[in-house]
C-alpha atoms as a PDB file:
ATOM      1  CA  MET A   1     -59.573   5.138-101.172  1.00  0.00           C
ATOM      2  CA  ILE A   2     -60.832   5.616 -97.626  1.00  0.00           C
ATOM      3  CA  LYS A   3     -62.247   9.050 -96.832  1.00  0.00           C
ATOM      4  CA  PHE A   4     -61.548  10.219 -93.292  1.00  0.00           C
ATOM      5  CA  ASN A   5     -64.547  11.523 -91.331  1.00  0.00           C
ATOM      6  CA  SER A   6     -63.078  14.668 -89.756  1.00  0.00           C
ATOM      7  CA  ALA A   7     -66.354  15.636 -88.079  1.00  0.00           C
ATOM      8  CA  ALA A   8     -66.635  12.312 -86.240  1.00  0.00           C
ATOM      9  CA  TYR A   9     -62.960  12.539 -85.278  1.00  0.00           C
ATOM     10  CA  GLU A  10     -63.404  16.069 -83.891  1.00  0.00           C
ATOM     11  CA  GLU A  11     -66.479  15.001 -81.932  1.00  0.00           C
ATOM     12  CA  ALA A  12     -64.646  12.049 -80.353  1.00  0.00           C
ATOM     13  CA  ARG A  13     -61.542  14.180 -79.695  1.00  0.00           C
ATOM     14  CA  ALA A  14     -63.626  16.880 -78.005  1.00  0.00           C
ATOM     15  CA  ARG A  15     -65.353  14.263 -75.852  1.00  0.00           C
ATOM     16  CA  LEU A  16     -61.946  13.055 -74.647  1.00  0.00           C
ATOM     17  CA  GLY A  17     -60.591  16.604 -74.317  1.00  0.00           C
ATOM     18  CA  LEU A  18     -57.215  15.717 -75.811  1.00  0.00           C
ATOM     19  CA  PRO A  19     -55.115  17.696 -78.300  1.00  0.00           C
ATOM     20  CA  HIS A  20     -54.478  16.347 -81.801  1.00  0.00           C
ATOM     21  CA  SER A  21     -50.791  15.798 -81.098  1.00  0.00           C
ATOM     22  CA  GLN A  22     -51.483  13.610 -78.065  1.00  0.00           C
ATOM     23  CA  LEU A  23     -54.061  11.508 -79.951  1.00  0.00           C
ATOM     24  CA  ALA A  24     -51.710  11.108 -82.908  1.00  0.00           C
ATOM     25  CA  ALA A  25     -48.890   9.918 -80.644  1.00  0.00           C
ATOM     26  CA  ALA A  26     -51.164   7.490 -78.778  1.00  0.00           C
ATOM     27  CA  ALA A  27     -52.307   6.009 -82.117  1.00  0.00           C
ATOM     28  CA  GLY A  28     -48.737   5.685 -83.389  1.00  0.00           C
ATOM     29  CA  LEU A  29     -49.170   8.445 -85.972  1.00  0.00           C
ATOM     30  CA  THR A  30     -47.378  11.701 -86.588  1.00  0.00           C
ATOM     31  CA  ASN A  31     -49.245  14.920 -86.003  1.00  0.00           C
ATOM     32  CA  SER A  32     -48.732  15.865 -89.669  1.00  0.00           C
ATOM     33  CA  THR A  33     -50.285  12.573 -90.844  1.00  0.00           C
ATOM     34  CA  LEU A  34     -53.372  13.213 -88.756  1.00  0.00           C
ATOM     35  CA  THR A  35     -53.539  16.810 -90.013  1.00  0.00           C
ATOM     36  CA  ARG A  36     -53.365  15.638 -93.656  1.00  0.00           C
ATOM     37  CA  TRP A  37     -56.224  13.169 -93.004  1.00  0.00           C
ATOM     38  CA  ARG A  38     -58.315  15.904 -91.399  1.00  0.00           C
ATOM     39  CA  GLN A  39     -57.689  18.236 -94.353  1.00  0.00           C
ATOM     40  CA  GLY A  40     -58.429  15.461 -96.861  1.00  0.00           C
ATOM     41  CA  SER A  41     -55.060  15.738 -98.608  1.00  0.00           C
ATOM     42  CA  THR A  42     -54.198  12.087 -97.877  1.00  0.00           C
ATOM     43  CA  SER A  43     -56.203   8.980 -97.046  1.00  0.00           C
ATOM     44  CA  PRO A  44     -55.589   6.671 -94.100  1.00  0.00           C
ATOM     45  CA  ARG A  45     -54.834   2.966 -94.357  1.00  0.00           C
ATOM     46  CA  LEU A  46     -57.172   0.630 -92.488  1.00  0.00           C
ATOM     47  CA  ALA A  47     -54.528  -0.452 -89.980  1.00  0.00           C
ATOM     48  CA  GLU A  48     -53.645   3.160 -89.108  1.00  0.00           C
ATOM     49  CA  LEU A  49     -57.289   4.144 -88.846  1.00  0.00           C
ATOM     50  CA  SER A  50     -57.989   1.137 -86.639  1.00  0.00           C
ATOM     51  CA  GLY A  51     -55.349   2.323 -84.174  1.00  0.00           C
ATOM     52  CA  LEU A  52     -56.864   5.801 -84.045  1.00  0.00           C
ATOM     53  CA  ALA A  53     -60.375   4.385 -83.557  1.00  0.00           C
ATOM     54  CA  SER A  54     -59.097   2.300 -80.646  1.00  0.00           C
ATOM     55  CA  VAL A  55     -57.507   5.321 -78.984  1.00  0.00           C
ATOM     56  CA  LEU A  56     -60.685   7.366 -79.468  1.00  0.00           C
ATOM     57  CA  GLY A  57     -62.868   4.501 -78.260  1.00  0.00           C
ATOM     58  CA  VAL A  58     -65.130   4.615 -81.319  1.00  0.00           C
ATOM     59  CA  PRO A  59     -65.995   1.958 -83.897  1.00  0.00           C
ATOM     60  CA  LEU A  60     -63.660   2.015 -86.885  1.00  0.00           C
ATOM     61  CA  GLN A  61     -66.504   2.697 -89.310  1.00  0.00           C
ATOM     62  CA  ASP A  62     -67.357   5.965 -87.496  1.00  0.00           C
ATOM     63  CA  LEU A  63     -64.116   7.466 -88.824  1.00  0.00           C
ATOM     64  CA  VAL A  64     -64.911   6.647 -92.469  1.00  0.00           C
ATOM     65  CA  LEU A  65     -67.103   8.767 -94.735  1.00  0.00           C
ATOM     66  CA  PRO A  66     -69.565   6.892 -96.956  1.00  0.00           C
ATOM     67  CA  GLY A  67     -68.496   6.458-100.527  1.00  0.00           C
ATOM     68  CA  PRO A  68     -67.905   3.855-103.170  1.00  0.00           C
ATOM     69  CA  ALA A  69     -65.682   0.984-102.144  1.00  0.00           C
ATOM     70  CA  PRO A  70     -62.451   0.580-104.087  1.00  0.00           C
ATOM     71  CA  THR A  71     -61.888  -2.274-106.481  1.00  0.00           C
ATOM     72  CA  PRO A  72     -60.240  -5.099-104.550  1.00  0.00           C
ATOM     73  CA  ARG A  73     -56.694  -6.110-105.364  1.00  0.00           C
ATOM     74  CA  PRO A  74     -56.449  -9.653-106.680  1.00  0.00           C
ATOM     75  CA  TYR A  75     -54.906 -12.214-104.361  1.00  0.00           C
ATOM     76  CA  PRO A  76     -53.317 -15.203-106.086  1.00  0.00           C
ATOM     77  CA  HIS A  77     -54.895 -17.947-103.964  1.00  0.00           C
ATOM     78  CA  ALA A  78     -58.200 -16.441-102.964  1.00  0.00           C
ATOM     79  CA  ASP A  79     -61.514 -16.211-104.705  1.00  0.00           C
ATOM     80  CA  LEU A  80     -62.567 -13.059-102.902  1.00  0.00           C
ATOM     81  CA  HIS A  81     -66.055 -13.032-104.320  1.00  0.00           C
ATOM     82  CA  SER A  82     -67.079 -16.599-103.553  1.00  0.00           C
ATOM     83  CA  GLY A  83     -69.961 -16.703-101.114  1.00  0.00           C
ATOM     84  CA  ARG A  84     -70.308 -12.933-100.984  1.00  0.00           C
ATOM     85  CA  ARG A  85     -73.642 -11.830 -99.604  1.00  0.00           C
ATOM     86  CA  ASP A  86     -75.556  -8.705-100.437  1.00  0.00           C
ATOM     87  CA  ARG A  87     -74.093  -5.955 -98.259  1.00  0.00           C
ATOM     88  CA  ALA A  88     -76.429  -3.111 -99.277  1.00  0.00           C
ATOM     89  CA  GLY A  89     -77.117  -0.605 -96.541  1.00  0.00           C
ATOM     90  CA  LEU A  90     -73.859  -1.094 -94.646  1.00  0.00           C
ATOM     91  CA  ASP A  91     -71.501   1.766 -94.062  1.00  0.00           C
ATOM     92  CA  SER A  92     -68.553   2.359 -96.359  1.00  0.00           C
ATOM     93  CA  LEU A  93     -65.969   0.518 -94.302  1.00  0.00           C
ATOM     94  CA  SER A  94     -68.088  -2.587 -93.865  1.00  0.00           C
ATOM     95  CA  ASN A  95     -68.741  -2.481 -97.610  1.00  0.00           C
ATOM     96  CA  LEU A  96     -65.016  -2.291 -98.219  1.00  0.00           C
ATOM     97  CA  VAL A  97     -64.244  -5.175 -95.897  1.00  0.00           C
ATOM     98  CA  GLY A  98     -67.268  -7.086 -97.173  1.00  0.00           C
ATOM     99  CA  ARG A  99     -66.173  -6.735-100.766  1.00  0.00           C
ATOM    100  CA  LEU A 100     -62.593  -7.655-100.043  1.00  0.00           C
ATOM    101  CA  VAL A 101     -63.244 -10.341 -97.487  1.00  0.00           C
ATOM    102  CA  THR A 102     -66.107 -12.670 -96.691  1.00  0.00           C
ATOM    103  CA  ARG A 103     -66.199 -15.080 -93.799  1.00  0.00           C
ATOM    104  CA  ARG A 104     -65.484 -17.952 -96.168  1.00  0.00           C
ATOM    105  CA  SER A 105     -62.563 -16.235 -97.914  1.00  0.00           C
ATOM    106  CA  LEU A 106     -60.844 -15.318 -94.626  1.00  0.00           C
ATOM    107  CA  ASN A 107     -59.468 -18.860 -94.671  1.00  0.00           C
ATOM    108  CA  HIS A 108     -57.320 -17.872 -97.655  1.00  0.00           C
ATOM    109  CA  PHE A 109     -55.402 -15.232 -95.680  1.00  0.00           C
ATOM    110  CA  PRO A 110     -52.497 -15.911 -93.308  1.00  0.00           C
ATOM    111  CA  LEU A 111     -54.385 -14.967 -90.144  1.00  0.00           C
ATOM    112  CA  THR A 112     -54.189 -16.485 -86.702  1.00  0.00           C
ATOM    113  CA  ARG A 113     -57.347 -18.029 -85.265  1.00  0.00           C
ATOM    114  CA  LEU A 114     -57.922 -15.034 -82.958  1.00  0.00           C
ATOM    115  CA  GLU A 115     -57.283 -12.499 -85.754  1.00  0.00           C
ATOM    116  CA  ARG A 116     -59.856 -14.294 -87.900  1.00  0.00           C
ATOM    117  CA  LEU A 117     -62.402 -14.345 -85.054  1.00  0.00           C
ATOM    118  CA  VAL A 118     -61.879 -10.634 -84.361  1.00  0.00           C
ATOM    119  CA  LEU A 119     -62.436  -9.663 -88.010  1.00  0.00           C
ATOM    120  CA  ILE A 120     -65.526 -11.851 -88.260  1.00  0.00           C
ATOM    121  CA  ALA A 121     -66.992 -10.259 -85.137  1.00  0.00           C
ATOM    122  CA  ARG A 122     -65.763  -6.685 -85.768  1.00  0.00           C
ATOM    123  CA  PHE A 123     -67.343  -6.476 -89.221  1.00  0.00           C
ATOM    124  CA  GLY A 124     -70.334  -8.681 -88.478  1.00  0.00           C
ATOM    125  CA  LEU A 125     -69.433 -11.351 -91.023  1.00  0.00           C
ATOM    126  CA  ASP A 126     -71.187 -13.947 -88.843  1.00  0.00           C
ATOM    127  CA  LEU A 127     -74.480 -12.038 -88.718  1.00  0.00           C
ATOM    128  CA  ASP A 128     -77.248 -11.712 -91.270  1.00  0.00           C
ATOM    129  CA  PRO A 129     -77.541  -8.868 -92.022  1.00  0.00           C
ATOM    130  CA  PRO A 130     -73.919  -8.061 -91.177  1.00  0.00           C
ATOM    131  CA  ARG A 131     -73.567  -5.687 -88.191  1.00  0.00           C
ATOM    132  CA  ALA A 132     -70.313  -4.463 -86.701  1.00  0.00           C
ATOM    133  CA  ARG A 133     -69.618  -5.049 -83.001  1.00  0.00           C
ATOM    134  CA  THR A 134     -67.628  -2.993 -80.527  1.00  0.00           C
ATOM    135  CA  LEU A 135     -64.181  -3.837 -79.197  1.00  0.00           C
ATOM    136  CA  ASP A 136     -65.665  -4.266 -75.722  1.00  0.00           C
ATOM    137  CA  SER A 137     -68.283  -6.797 -76.816  1.00  0.00           C
ATOM    138  CA  ILE A 138     -65.691  -8.804 -78.765  1.00  0.00           C
ATOM    139  CA  ALA A 139     -63.290  -8.719 -75.799  1.00  0.00           C
ATOM    140  CA  ALA A 140     -65.998 -10.114 -73.524  1.00  0.00           C
ATOM    141  CA  GLU A 141     -66.906 -12.763 -76.083  1.00  0.00           C
ATOM    142  CA  LEU A 142     -63.297 -13.927 -76.562  1.00  0.00           C
ATOM    143  CA  GLY A 143     -62.210 -13.497 -72.945  1.00  0.00           C
ATOM    144  CA  VAL A 144     -59.373 -11.067 -73.742  1.00  0.00           C
ATOM    145  CA  SER A 145     -58.823  -7.366 -73.060  1.00  0.00           C
ATOM    146  CA  ARG A 146     -60.184  -4.591 -75.251  1.00  0.00           C
ATOM    147  CA  GLN A 147     -56.602  -3.569 -75.997  1.00  0.00           C
ATOM    148  CA  ARG A 148     -55.786  -7.100 -77.155  1.00  0.00           C
ATOM    149  CA  VAL A 149     -58.774  -7.063 -79.518  1.00  0.00           C
ATOM    150  CA  ALA A 150     -57.529  -3.740 -80.974  1.00  0.00           C
ATOM    151  CA  GLN A 151     -54.051  -5.239 -81.433  1.00  0.00           C
ATOM    152  CA  LEU A 152     -55.458  -8.333 -83.135  1.00  0.00           C
ATOM    153  CA  GLU A 153     -57.645  -6.206 -85.400  1.00  0.00           C
ATOM    154  CA  ALA A 154     -54.730  -3.978 -86.410  1.00  0.00           C
ATOM    155  CA  ALA A 155     -52.501  -6.989 -87.111  1.00  0.00           C
ATOM    156  CA  ALA A 156     -55.197  -8.680 -89.184  1.00  0.00           C
ATOM    157  CA  LEU A 157     -55.915  -5.517 -91.191  1.00  0.00           C
ATOM    158  CA  ARG A 158     -52.194  -5.103 -91.903  1.00  0.00           C
ATOM    159  CA  ARG A 159     -52.154  -8.636 -93.311  1.00  0.00           C
ATOM    160  CA  LEU A 160     -55.159  -7.875 -95.517  1.00  0.00           C
ATOM    161  CA  THR A 161     -53.766  -4.629 -96.956  1.00  0.00           C
END
């Protein structure tokens, strides 16, 4: 279960000076969904949280509170633990992605080439130690817009969840 970081959300929202309802609409969420996340009564899905992070202009992991990563769901054709590196010291979201997906196991998921590249870069799966990168740096690296990177990330996360 992903725990929403309300304090980081409020800080980013205040910096933008936008009301909750406007941010929710821009991220494709309902105002009540965002309110339930902020109150802790429900947990966001990665794809939904990715959209909100993009709208706020913050890294996805900033909106996640540290905590134990959930047990990964088994996938019939993927050995999710093969080649897994030690991911100690990473934030909760990178731990979650790192436990569910390694660079090697991404080949077992139905992702496009660009979706795969975005996930590798976004969660630092190509770095040792792994270190997440911003949407802007990935956009420059791939020669696409920041918005396109956010779209690719959201699509890839939907396929993984």
